[in-house]
Amino acid sequence: MKKYYPCKSASNILRVIAIIIFCVFSATAWIYLSAYPIIMWVAIILFCVLFILFFILVPIYFSRTCYYFSANEISKQSGFFIESQQLIRV
């Protein structure tokens, strides 16, 4: 039975994409909601909180995901708080 983990470069690519998306959303909130300062700051703070949670949860998911390959089955184990296992018989 062979054991495989997700590639770390995939996690880094997701982080770069997340940085770009969160910067675009924050800039959009800054530009289009500047007439409504309370809504603008709430939106920017919300994006920052989601940004921080993303950078905490994605590495946890990548560290807890594992694939097992054998002659009879392929198995995936993952999860944050509750571990789940998916099994495919070959």
Protein backbone atom coordinates (compact mmCIF):
# COMPACT_ATOMS: atom_id res chain seq x y z
CA MET A 1 0.00 0.00 0.00
CA LYS A 2 1.44 3.35 -1.05
CA LYS A 3 0.69 6.56 0.78
CA TYR A 4 0.52 9.96 -0.98
CA TYR A 5 -0.02 13.50 0.26
CA PRO A 6 -1.22 16.57 -1.69
CA CYS A 7 1.50 18.61 -3.37
CA LYS A 8 2.66 21.65 -1.38
CA SER A 9 2.86 23.73 -4.56
CA ALA A 10 -0.92 23.37 -4.96
CA SER A 11 -1.35 24.94 -1.54
CA ASN A 12 0.98 27.78 -2.51
CA ILE A 13 -0.91 28.35 -5.77
CA LEU A 14 -4.19 28.54 -3.83
CA ARG A 15 -2.62 31.08 -1.49
CA VAL A 16 -1.49 33.30 -4.37
CA ILE A 17 -4.93 33.10 -5.99
CA ALA A 18 -6.55 33.93 -2.64
CA ILE A 19 -4.30 36.96 -2.17
CA ILE A 20 -5.25 38.26 -5.61
CA ILE A 21 -8.99 37.66 -5.06
CA PHE A 22 -9.04 39.25 -1.61
CA CYS A 23 -7.07 42.28 -2.84
CA VAL A 24 -9.45 42.75 -5.75
CA PHE A 25 -12.52 42.46 -3.50
CA SER A 26 -11.08 44.89 -0.94
CA ALA A 27 -10.14 47.40 -3.65
CA THR A 28 -13.60 47.05 -5.18
CA ALA A 29 -15.21 47.68 -1.80
CA TRP A 30 -12.92 50.67 -1.28
CA ILE A 31 -13.75 52.19 -4.68
CA TYR A 32 -17.46 51.50 -5.01
CA LEU A 33 -18.53 51.75 -1.37
CA SER A 34 -16.58 54.89 -0.43
CA ALA A 35 -19.88 56.82 -0.35
CA TYR A 36 -21.06 54.47 2.40
CA PRO A 37 -18.13 54.31 4.86
CA ILE A 38 -19.73 51.97 7.39
CA ILE A 39 -20.65 49.39 4.75
CA MET A 40 -17.21 49.81 3.16
CA TRP A 41 -15.32 49.11 6.39
CA VAL A 42 -17.58 46.19 7.28
CA ALA A 43 -16.93 44.66 3.85
CA ILE A 44 -13.17 45.20 4.11
CA ILE A 45 -13.04 43.73 7.63
CA LEU A 46 -15.12 40.77 6.46
CA PHE A 47 -12.70 40.15 3.57
CA CYS A 48 -9.74 40.36 5.96
CA VAL A 49 -11.31 37.86 8.37
CA LEU A 50 -12.06 35.46 5.51
CA PHE A 51 -8.49 35.95 4.28
CA ILE A 52 -7.05 35.01 7.68
CA LEU A 53 -9.37 32.00 8.05
CA PHE A 54 -8.41 30.82 4.57
CA PHE A 55 -4.73 30.91 5.49
CA ILE A 56 -5.41 28.92 8.66
CA LEU A 57 -7.78 26.31 7.23
CA VAL A 58 -6.12 25.47 3.89
CA PRO A 59 -2.82 24.30 5.44
CA ILE A 60 -4.75 22.21 7.97
CA TYR A 61 -6.72 20.59 5.17
CA PHE A 62 -3.58 19.88 3.16
CA SER A 63 -1.77 18.41 6.17
CA ARG A 64 -4.67 16.09 7.05
CA THR A 65 -5.40 14.82 3.55
CA CYS A 66 -3.85 11.51 2.58
CA TYR A 67 -4.39 9.05 -0.26
CA TYR A 68 -3.72 5.31 -0.01
CA PHE A 69 -3.29 3.17 -3.12
CA SER A 70 -3.25 -0.61 -3.04
CA ALA A 71 -3.95 -3.35 -5.56
CA ASN A 72 -7.56 -3.67 -4.38
CA GLU A 73 -8.63 -0.16 -3.37
CA ILE A 74 -7.99 3.56 -3.41
CA SER A 75 -8.69 5.40 -0.17
CA LYS A 76 -8.82 9.10 0.72
CA GLN A 77 -8.77 10.42 4.28
CA SER A 78 -9.38 14.09 5.04
CA GLY A 79 -11.24 16.50 7.28
CA PHE A 80 -10.83 19.38 9.68
CA PHE A 81 -12.71 18.46 12.81
CA ILE A 82 -14.40 15.26 11.67
CA GLU A 83 -12.25 12.80 9.76
CA SER A 84 -13.88 11.27 6.70
CA GLN A 85 -12.76 8.38 4.55
CA GLN A 86 -13.72 7.64 0.97
CA LEU A 87 -13.03 4.21 -0.46
CA ILE A 88 -13.02 3.03 -4.07
CA ARG A 89 -12.65 -0.65 -4.86
CA VAL A 90 -10.64 -1.39 -7.97
